[in-house]
Each structure stands twice: as structure tokens, then as C-alpha cells.
Amino acid sequence: MTNTSNKPTNLLPFNVIADAANGSIDAMCLILKHYEGYIAKLCTRTLIDESGNTYSYIDEEMRNRLKVRLIARTLAFNVA
């Protein structure tokens, strides 16, 4: 038997999303902070140099694009 009462613990409150959709800068900053780690994970790239050493880095261009897209989609969210 599976446990169906597992609730996600780290969801953003709806009022934060609604405030951000209505243009609140503080609420938008909370949303960006909430997704900061996930965005960084999506943008992590691995580089291998001539000696075979591997380096991980965050692709800043991709990171900025994802942030802009998150802001645009949040502002387009229909709260009604």
C-alpha cells in the first residue's frame, strides 16, 4: 500500500505568487530566490580541458534567460 498523504513541503504560498503576478517586486524576488538552486542546477555545465581535467561551471547566459522567462511567466499568471 502506498502512502498518498505525502505533501510537498516547500511550495510557495499562493499569496506570494498572486502578489508577484500583480507586480510586487518583493514577491518576485521571493520567487526568484525560491527557484535559484533549481535554475543553477539546470545551468550547470561540465568543461573538460586538454589535460582531461573536468570543471563544472554555471552558464550565466542560460541562467539569465531562465530568470527572465520565470519573471515573464509569473507576470502572465492569471490570478482570477
PDB file of N, CA and C in Angstrom:
ATOM      1  N   MET A   1       0.834  -1.174   0.000  1.00  0.00           N
ATOM      2  CA  MET A   1       0.000   0.000   0.000  1.00  0.00           C
ATOM      3  C   MET A   1       0.886   1.247   0.000  1.00  0.00           C
ATOM      4  N   THR A   2       0.563   2.217  -0.824  1.00  0.00           N
ATOM      5  CA  THR A   2       1.366   3.425  -0.908  1.00  0.00           C
ATOM      6  C   THR A   2       0.778   4.502  -0.019  1.00  0.00           C
ATOM      7  N   ASN A   3       1.641   5.354   0.433  1.00  0.00           N
ATOM      8  CA  ASN A   3       1.229   6.463   1.274  1.00  0.00           C
ATOM      9  C   ASN A   3       0.869   7.640   0.366  1.00  0.00           C
ATOM     10  N   THR A   4      -0.404   7.997   0.318  1.00  0.00           N
ATOM     11  CA  THR A   4      -0.842   9.074  -0.567  1.00  0.00           C
ATOM     12  C   THR A   4      -0.926  10.409   0.140  1.00  0.00           C
ATOM     13  N   SER A   5      -0.535  10.465   1.401  1.00  0.00           N
ATOM     14  CA  SER A   5      -0.634  11.721   2.142  1.00  0.00           C
ATOM     15  C   SER A   5       0.668  12.511   2.124  1.00  0.00           C
ATOM     16  N   ASN A   6       1.581  12.187   1.216  1.00  0.00           N
ATOM     17  CA  ASN A   6       2.821  12.955   1.105  1.00  0.00           C
ATOM     18  C   ASN A   6       2.508  14.322   0.534  1.00  0.00           C
ATOM     19  N   LYS A   7       2.773  15.352   1.318  1.00  0.00           N
ATOM     20  CA  LYS A   7       2.547  16.713   0.864  1.00  0.00           C
ATOM     21  C   LYS A   7       3.886  17.370   0.575  1.00  0.00           C
ATOM     22  N   PRO A   8       3.982  18.069  -0.539  1.00  0.00           N
ATOM     23  CA  PRO A   8       5.217  18.813  -0.779  1.00  0.00           C
ATOM     24  C   PRO A   8       5.392  19.867   0.318  1.00  0.00           C
ATOM     25  N   THR A   9       6.588  19.976   0.833  1.00  0.00           N
ATOM     26  CA  THR A   9       6.815  20.878   1.957  1.00  0.00           C
ATOM     27  C   THR A   9       7.350  22.241   1.551  1.00  0.00           C
ATOM     28  N   ASN A  10       7.864  22.370   0.375  1.00  0.00           N
ATOM     29  CA  ASN A  10       8.494  23.631   0.006  1.00  0.00           C
ATOM     30  C   ASN A  10       7.779  24.321  -1.160  1.00  0.00           C
ATOM     31  N   LEU A  11       6.477  24.420  -1.064  1.00  0.00           N
ATOM     32  CA  LEU A  11       5.721  25.159  -2.062  1.00  0.00           C
ATOM     33  C   LEU A  11       5.658  26.632  -1.687  1.00  0.00           C
ATOM     34  N   LEU A  12       5.609  27.477  -2.693  1.00  0.00           N
ATOM     35  CA  LEU A  12       5.414  28.895  -2.441  1.00  0.00           C
ATOM     36  C   LEU A  12       3.956  29.146  -2.062  1.00  0.00           C
ATOM     37  N   PRO A  13       3.713  30.009  -1.106  1.00  0.00           N
ATOM     38  CA  PRO A  13       2.325  30.355  -0.792  1.00  0.00           C
ATOM     39  C   PRO A  13       1.652  31.049  -1.980  1.00  0.00           C
ATOM     40  N   PHE A  14       0.366  30.800  -2.138  1.00  0.00           N
ATOM     41  CA  PHE A  14      -0.358  31.375  -3.273  1.00  0.00           C
ATOM     42  C   PHE A  14      -0.339  32.894  -3.243  1.00  0.00           C
ATOM     43  N   ASN A  15      -0.403  33.482  -2.041  1.00  0.00           N
ATOM     44  CA  ASN A  15      -0.428  34.946  -1.979  1.00  0.00           C
ATOM     45  C   ASN A  15       0.874  35.560  -2.501  1.00  0.00           C
ATOM     46  N   VAL A  16       1.992  34.849  -2.365  1.00  0.00           N
ATOM     47  CA  VAL A  16       3.258  35.351  -2.917  1.00  0.00           C
ATOM     48  C   VAL A  16       3.191  35.336  -4.442  1.00  0.00           C
ATOM     49  N   ILE A  17       2.666  34.266  -5.007  1.00  0.00           N
ATOM     50  CA  ILE A  17       2.530  34.171  -6.461  1.00  0.00           C
ATOM     51  C   ILE A  17       1.561  35.229  -6.973  1.00  0.00           C
ATOM     52  N   ALA A  18       0.441  35.402  -6.277  1.00  0.00           N
ATOM     53  CA  ALA A  18      -0.555  36.395  -6.692  1.00  0.00           C
ATOM     54  C   ALA A  18       0.018  37.802  -6.610  1.00  0.00           C
ATOM     55  N   ASP A  19       0.759  38.099  -5.547  1.00  0.00           N
ATOM     56  CA  ASP A  19       1.370  39.424  -5.424  1.00  0.00           C
ATOM     57  C   ASP A  19       2.392  39.667  -6.529  1.00  0.00           C
ATOM     58  N   ALA A  20       3.174  38.648  -6.853  1.00  0.00           N
ATOM     59  CA  ALA A  20       4.165  38.795  -7.922  1.00  0.00           C
ATOM     60  C   ALA A  20       3.480  38.992  -9.265  1.00  0.00           C
ATOM     61  N   ALA A  21       2.386  38.281  -9.491  1.00  0.00           N
ATOM     62  CA  ALA A  21       1.647  38.430 -10.748  1.00  0.00           C
ATOM     63  C   ALA A  21       1.042  39.822 -10.863  1.00  0.00           C
ATOM     64  N   ASN A  22       0.772  40.441  -9.731  1.00  0.00           N
ATOM     65  CA  ASN A  22       0.218  41.801  -9.727  1.00  0.00           C
ATOM     66  C   ASN A  22       1.296  42.869  -9.702  1.00  0.00           C
ATOM     67  N   GLY A  23       2.567  42.480  -9.770  1.00  0.00           N
ATOM     68  CA  GLY A  23       3.644  43.446  -9.929  1.00  0.00           C
ATOM     69  C   GLY A  23       4.472  43.741  -8.698  1.00  0.00           C
ATOM     70  N   SER A  24       4.315  43.007  -7.612  1.00  0.00           N
ATOM     71  CA  SER A  24       5.106  43.249  -6.404  1.00  0.00           C
ATOM     72  C   SER A  24       6.549  42.796  -6.609  1.00  0.00           C
ATOM     73  N   ILE A  25       7.469  43.725  -6.454  1.00  0.00           N
ATOM     74  CA  ILE A  25       8.886  43.415  -6.644  1.00  0.00           C
ATOM     75  C   ILE A  25       9.391  42.492  -5.547  1.00  0.00           C
ATOM     76  N   ASP A  26       8.954  42.704  -4.312  1.00  0.00           N
ATOM     77  CA  ASP A  26       9.392  41.853  -3.202  1.00  0.00           C
ATOM     78  C   ASP A  26       8.934  40.408  -3.401  1.00  0.00           C
ATOM     79  N   ALA A  27       7.705  40.232  -3.850  1.00  0.00           N
ATOM     80  CA  ALA A  27       7.188  38.886  -4.099  1.00  0.00           C
ATOM     81  C   ALA A  27       7.950  38.219  -5.244  1.00  0.00           C
ATOM     82  N   MET A  28       8.285  38.985  -6.276  1.00  0.00           N
ATOM     83  CA  MET A  28       9.042  38.432  -7.399  1.00  0.00           C
ATOM     84  C   MET A  28      10.434  38.003  -6.943  1.00  0.00           C
ATOM     85  N   CYS A  29      11.036  38.777  -6.052  1.00  0.00           N
ATOM     86  CA  CYS A  29      12.349  38.407  -5.515  1.00  0.00           C
ATOM     87  C   CYS A  29      12.260  37.111  -4.710  1.00  0.00           C
ATOM     88  N   LEU A  30      11.167  36.916  -3.976  1.00  0.00           N
ATOM     89  CA  LEU A  30      10.969  35.671  -3.238  1.00  0.00           C
ATOM     90  C   LEU A  30      10.861  34.477  -4.183  1.00  0.00           C
ATOM     91  N   ILE A  31      10.165  34.665  -5.288  1.00  0.00           N
ATOM     92  CA  ILE A  31      10.029  33.583  -6.266  1.00  0.00           C
ATOM     93  C   ILE A  31      11.380  33.256  -6.894  1.00  0.00           C
ATOM     94  N   LEU A  32      12.136  34.284  -7.277  1.00  0.00           N
ATOM     95  CA  LEU A  32      13.463  34.052  -7.856  1.00  0.00           C
ATOM     96  C   LEU A  32      14.385  33.371  -6.854  1.00  0.00           C
ATOM     97  N   LYS A  33      14.307  33.765  -5.597  1.00  0.00           N
ATOM     98  CA  LYS A  33      15.130  33.143  -4.555  1.00  0.00           C
ATOM     99  C   LYS A  33      14.732  31.676  -4.355  1.00  0.00           C
ATOM    100  N   HIS A  34      13.433  31.404  -4.419  1.00  0.00           N
ATOM    101  CA  HIS A  34      12.933  30.049  -4.235  1.00  0.00           C
ATOM    102  C   HIS A  34      13.472  29.104  -5.319  1.00  0.00           C
ATOM    103  N   TYR A  35      13.522  29.579  -6.552  1.00  0.00           N
ATOM    104  CA  TYR A  35      13.957  28.744  -7.684  1.00  0.00           C
ATOM    105  C   TYR A  35      15.433  28.901  -8.023  1.00  0.00           C
ATOM    106  N   GLU A  36      16.182  29.632  -7.219  1.00  0.00           N
ATOM    107  CA  GLU A  36      17.593  29.898  -7.501  1.00  0.00           C
ATOM    108  C   GLU A  36      18.418  28.614  -7.649  1.00  0.00           C
ATOM    109  N   GLY A  37      18.258  27.679  -6.738  1.00  0.00           N
ATOM    110  CA  GLY A  37      19.020  26.431  -6.790  1.00  0.00           C
ATOM    111  C   GLY A  37      18.654  25.569  -7.980  1.00  0.00           C
ATOM    112  N   TYR A  38      17.361  25.494  -8.281  1.00  0.00           N
ATOM    113  CA  TYR A  38      16.902  24.704  -9.423  1.00  0.00           C
ATOM    114  C   TYR A  38      17.426  25.288 -10.733  1.00  0.00           C
ATOM    115  N   ILE A  39      17.387  26.603 -10.851  1.00  0.00           N
ATOM    116  CA  ILE A  39      17.905  27.259 -12.057  1.00  0.00           C
ATOM    117  C   ILE A  39      19.407  27.008 -12.179  1.00  0.00           C
ATOM    118  N   ALA A  40      20.125  27.100 -11.070  1.00  0.00           N
ATOM    119  CA  ALA A  40      21.572  26.849 -11.106  1.00  0.00           C
ATOM    120  C   ALA A  40      21.867  25.415 -11.533  1.00  0.00           C
ATOM    121  N   LYS A  41      21.062  24.472 -11.054  1.00  0.00           N
ATOM    122  CA  LYS A  41      21.272  23.073 -11.433  1.00  0.00           C
ATOM    123  C   LYS A  41      21.026  22.865 -12.921  1.00  0.00           C
ATOM    124  N   LEU A  42      19.986  23.516 -13.454  1.00  0.00           N
ATOM    125  CA  LEU A  42      19.706  23.396 -14.884  1.00  0.00           C
ATOM    126  C   LEU A  42      20.806  24.004 -15.743  1.00  0.00           C
ATOM    127  N   CYS A  43      21.510  25.003 -15.207  1.00  0.00           N
ATOM    128  CA  CYS A  43      22.515  25.733 -15.984  1.00  0.00           C
ATOM    129  C   CYS A  43      23.941  25.255 -15.746  1.00  0.00           C
ATOM    130  N   THR A  44      24.122  24.215 -14.957  1.00  0.00           N
ATOM    131  CA  THR A  44      25.464  23.712 -14.681  1.00  0.00           C
ATOM    132  C   THR A  44      25.984  22.929 -15.886  1.00  0.00           C
ATOM    133  N   ARG A  45      27.155  23.303 -16.315  1.00  0.00           N
ATOM    134  CA  ARG A  45      27.800  22.667 -17.463  1.00  0.00           C
ATOM    135  C   ARG A  45      29.145  22.088 -17.019  1.00  0.00           C
ATOM    136  N   THR A  46      29.618  21.094 -17.733  1.00  0.00           N
ATOM    137  CA  THR A  46      30.903  20.477 -17.436  1.00  0.00           C
ATOM    138  C   THR A  46      31.863  20.760 -18.581  1.00  0.00           C
ATOM    139  N   LEU A  47      33.052  21.187 -18.212  1.00  0.00           N
ATOM    140  CA  LEU A  47      34.090  21.519 -19.179  1.00  0.00           C
ATOM    141  C   LEU A  47      35.273  20.581 -18.952  1.00  0.00           C
ATOM    142  N   ILE A  48      35.801  20.013 -20.027  1.00  0.00           N
ATOM    143  CA  ILE A  48      36.976  19.145 -19.934  1.00  0.00           C
ATOM    144  C   ILE A  48      38.117  19.840 -20.698  1.00  0.00           C
ATOM    145  N   ASP A  49      39.220  20.091 -19.994  1.00  0.00           N
ATOM    146  CA  ASP A  49      40.339  20.763 -20.656  1.00  0.00           C
ATOM    147  C   ASP A  49      41.230  19.759 -21.384  1.00  0.00           C
ATOM    148  N   GLU A  50      42.326  20.246 -21.969  1.00  0.00           N
ATOM    149  CA  GLU A  50      43.214  19.413 -22.769  1.00  0.00           C
ATOM    150  C   GLU A  50      43.865  18.307 -21.951  1.00  0.00           C
ATOM    151  N   SER A  51      44.036  18.528 -20.644  1.00  0.00           N
ATOM    152  CA  SER A  51      44.685  17.542 -19.778  1.00  0.00           C
ATOM    153  C   SER A  51      43.720  16.484 -19.261  1.00  0.00           C
ATOM    154  N   GLY A  52      42.446  16.644 -19.560  1.00  0.00           N
ATOM    155  CA  GLY A  52      41.450  15.693 -19.103  1.00  0.00           C
ATOM    156  C   GLY A  52      40.802  16.066 -17.781  1.00  0.00           C
ATOM    157  N   ASN A  53      41.153  17.238 -17.248  1.00  0.00           N
ATOM    158  CA  ASN A  53      40.540  17.698 -16.002  1.00  0.00           C
ATOM    159  C   ASN A  53      39.126  18.200 -16.280  1.00  0.00           C
ATOM    160  N   THR A  54      38.214  17.905 -15.372  1.00  0.00           N
ATOM    161  CA  THR A  54      36.837  18.347 -15.557  1.00  0.00           C
ATOM    162  C   THR A  54      36.526  19.484 -14.595  1.00  0.00           C
ATOM    163  N   TYR A  55      35.781  20.438 -15.087  1.00  0.00           N
ATOM    164  CA  TYR A  55      35.360  21.590 -14.302  1.00  0.00           C
ATOM    165  C   TYR A  55      33.866  21.784 -14.500  1.00  0.00           C
ATOM    166  N   SER A  56      33.191  22.124 -13.444  1.00  0.00           N
ATOM    167  CA  SER A  56      31.774  22.461 -13.531  1.00  0.00           C
ATOM    168  C   SER A  56      31.630  23.971 -13.387  1.00  0.00           C
ATOM    169  N   TYR A  57      30.755  24.534 -14.178  1.00  0.00           N
ATOM    170  CA  TYR A  57      30.502  25.967 -14.105  1.00  0.00           C
ATOM    171  C   TYR A  57      29.038  26.223 -14.427  1.00  0.00           C
ATOM    172  N   ILE A  58      28.579  27.399 -14.055  1.00  0.00           N
ATOM    173  CA  ILE A  58      27.202  27.784 -14.336  1.00  0.00           C
ATOM    174  C   ILE A  58      27.199  28.691 -15.554  1.00  0.00           C
ATOM    175  N   ASP A  59      26.431  28.318 -16.547  1.00  0.00           N
ATOM    176  CA  ASP A  59      26.284  29.106 -17.765  1.00  0.00           C
ATOM    177  C   ASP A  59      25.418  30.323 -17.437  1.00  0.00           C
ATOM    178  N   GLU A  60      26.063  31.477 -17.303  1.00  0.00           N
ATOM    179  CA  GLU A  60      25.374  32.694 -16.870  1.00  0.00           C
ATOM    180  C   GLU A  60      24.331  33.168 -17.878  1.00  0.00           C
ATOM    181  N   GLU A  61      24.597  32.996 -19.157  1.00  0.00           N
ATOM    182  CA  GLU A  61      23.628  33.409 -20.169  1.00  0.00           C
ATOM    183  C   GLU A  61      22.343  32.593 -20.046  1.00  0.00           C
ATOM    184  N   MET A  62      22.485  31.287 -19.886  1.00  0.00           N
ATOM    185  CA  MET A  62      21.325  30.421 -19.714  1.00  0.00           C
ATOM    186  C   MET A  62      20.592  30.762 -18.418  1.00  0.00           C
ATOM    187  N   ARG A  63      21.343  31.033 -17.363  1.00  0.00           N
ATOM    188  CA  ARG A  63      20.745  31.389 -16.076  1.00  0.00           C
ATOM    189  C   ARG A  63      19.896  32.653 -16.196  1.00  0.00           C
ATOM    190  N   ASN A  64      20.437  33.663 -16.856  1.00  0.00           N
ATOM    191  CA  ASN A  64      19.686  34.907 -17.032  1.00  0.00           C
ATOM    192  C   ASN A  64      18.448  34.696 -17.901  1.00  0.00           C
ATOM    193  N   ARG A  65      18.555  33.874 -18.934  1.00  0.00           N
ATOM    194  CA  ARG A  65      17.391  33.587 -19.776  1.00  0.00           C
ATOM    195  C   ARG A  65      16.283  32.896 -18.985  1.00  0.00           C
ATOM    196  N   LEU A  66      16.662  31.942 -18.130  1.00  0.00           N
ATOM    197  CA  LEU A  66      15.657  31.244 -17.331  1.00  0.00           C
ATOM    198  C   LEU A  66      15.010  32.174 -16.311  1.00  0.00           C
ATOM    199  N   LYS A  67      15.792  33.085 -15.727  1.00  0.00           N
ATOM    200  CA  LYS A  67      15.227  34.054 -14.790  1.00  0.00           C
ATOM    201  C   LYS A  67      14.222  34.972 -15.488  1.00  0.00           C
ATOM    202  N   VAL A  68      14.591  35.450 -16.663  1.00  0.00           N
ATOM    203  CA  VAL A  68      13.690  36.331 -17.418  1.00  0.00           C
ATOM    204  C   VAL A  68      12.417  35.580 -17.796  1.00  0.00           C
ATOM    205  N   ARG A  69      12.562  34.337 -18.189  1.00  0.00           N
ATOM    206  CA  ARG A  69      11.387  33.542 -18.550  1.00  0.00           C
ATOM    207  C   ARG A  69      10.486  33.292 -17.344  1.00  0.00           C
ATOM    208  N   LEU A  70      11.075  33.027 -16.183  1.00  0.00           N
ATOM    209  CA  LEU A  70      10.299  32.843 -14.961  1.00  0.00           C
ATOM    210  C   LEU A  70       9.553  34.115 -14.600  1.00  0.00           C
ATOM    211  N   ILE A  71      10.200  35.256 -14.723  1.00  0.00           N
ATOM    212  CA  ILE A  71       9.543  36.538 -14.443  1.00  0.00           C
ATOM    213  C   ILE A  71       8.395  36.767 -15.408  1.00  0.00           C
ATOM    214  N   ALA A  72       8.627  36.524 -16.694  1.00  0.00           N
ATOM    215  CA  ALA A  72       7.583  36.753 -17.700  1.00  0.00           C
ATOM    216  C   ALA A  72       6.384  35.841 -17.470  1.00  0.00           C
ATOM    217  N   ARG A  73       6.632  34.570 -17.156  1.00  0.00           N
ATOM    218  CA  ARG A  73       5.526  33.636 -16.941  1.00  0.00           C
ATOM    219  C   ARG A  73       4.776  33.949 -15.645  1.00  0.00           C
ATOM    220  N   THR A  74       5.482  34.441 -14.650  1.00  0.00           N
ATOM    221  CA  THR A  74       4.819  34.812 -13.400  1.00  0.00           C
ATOM    222  C   THR A  74       3.932  36.024 -13.619  1.00  0.00           C
ATOM    223  N   LEU A  75       4.414  36.991 -14.363  1.00  0.00           N
ATOM    224  CA  LEU A  75       3.603  38.182 -14.637  1.00  0.00           C
ATOM    225  C   LEU A  75       2.396  37.862 -15.513  1.00  0.00           C
ATOM    226  N   ALA A  76       2.508  36.821 -16.331  1.00  0.00           N
ATOM    227  CA  ALA A  76       1.392  36.423 -17.202  1.00  0.00           C
ATOM    228  C   ALA A  76       0.398  35.509 -16.489  1.00  0.00           C
ATOM    229  N   PHE A  77       0.696  35.120 -15.251  1.00  0.00           N
ATOM    230  CA  PHE A  77      -0.169  34.210 -14.496  1.00  0.00           C
ATOM    231  C   PHE A  77      -1.499  34.892 -14.208  1.00  0.00           C
ATOM    232  N   ASN A  78      -2.595  34.190 -14.504  1.00  0.00           N
ATOM    233  CA  ASN A  78      -3.936  34.722 -14.283  1.00  0.00           C
ATOM    234  C   ASN A  78      -4.391  34.349 -12.875  1.00  0.00           C
ATOM    235  N   VAL A  79      -4.501  35.318 -11.999  1.00  0.00           N
ATOM    236  CA  VAL A  79      -4.824  35.089 -10.599  1.00  0.00           C
ATOM    237  C   VAL A  79      -6.330  34.901 -10.399  1.00  0.00           C
ATOM    238  N   ALA A  80      -7.115  35.462 -11.265  1.00  0.00           N
ATOM    239  CA  ALA A  80      -8.578  35.425 -11.098  1.00  0.00           C
ATOM    240  C   ALA A  80      -9.085  34.063 -11.273  1.00  0.00           C
TER     241      ALA A  80
END
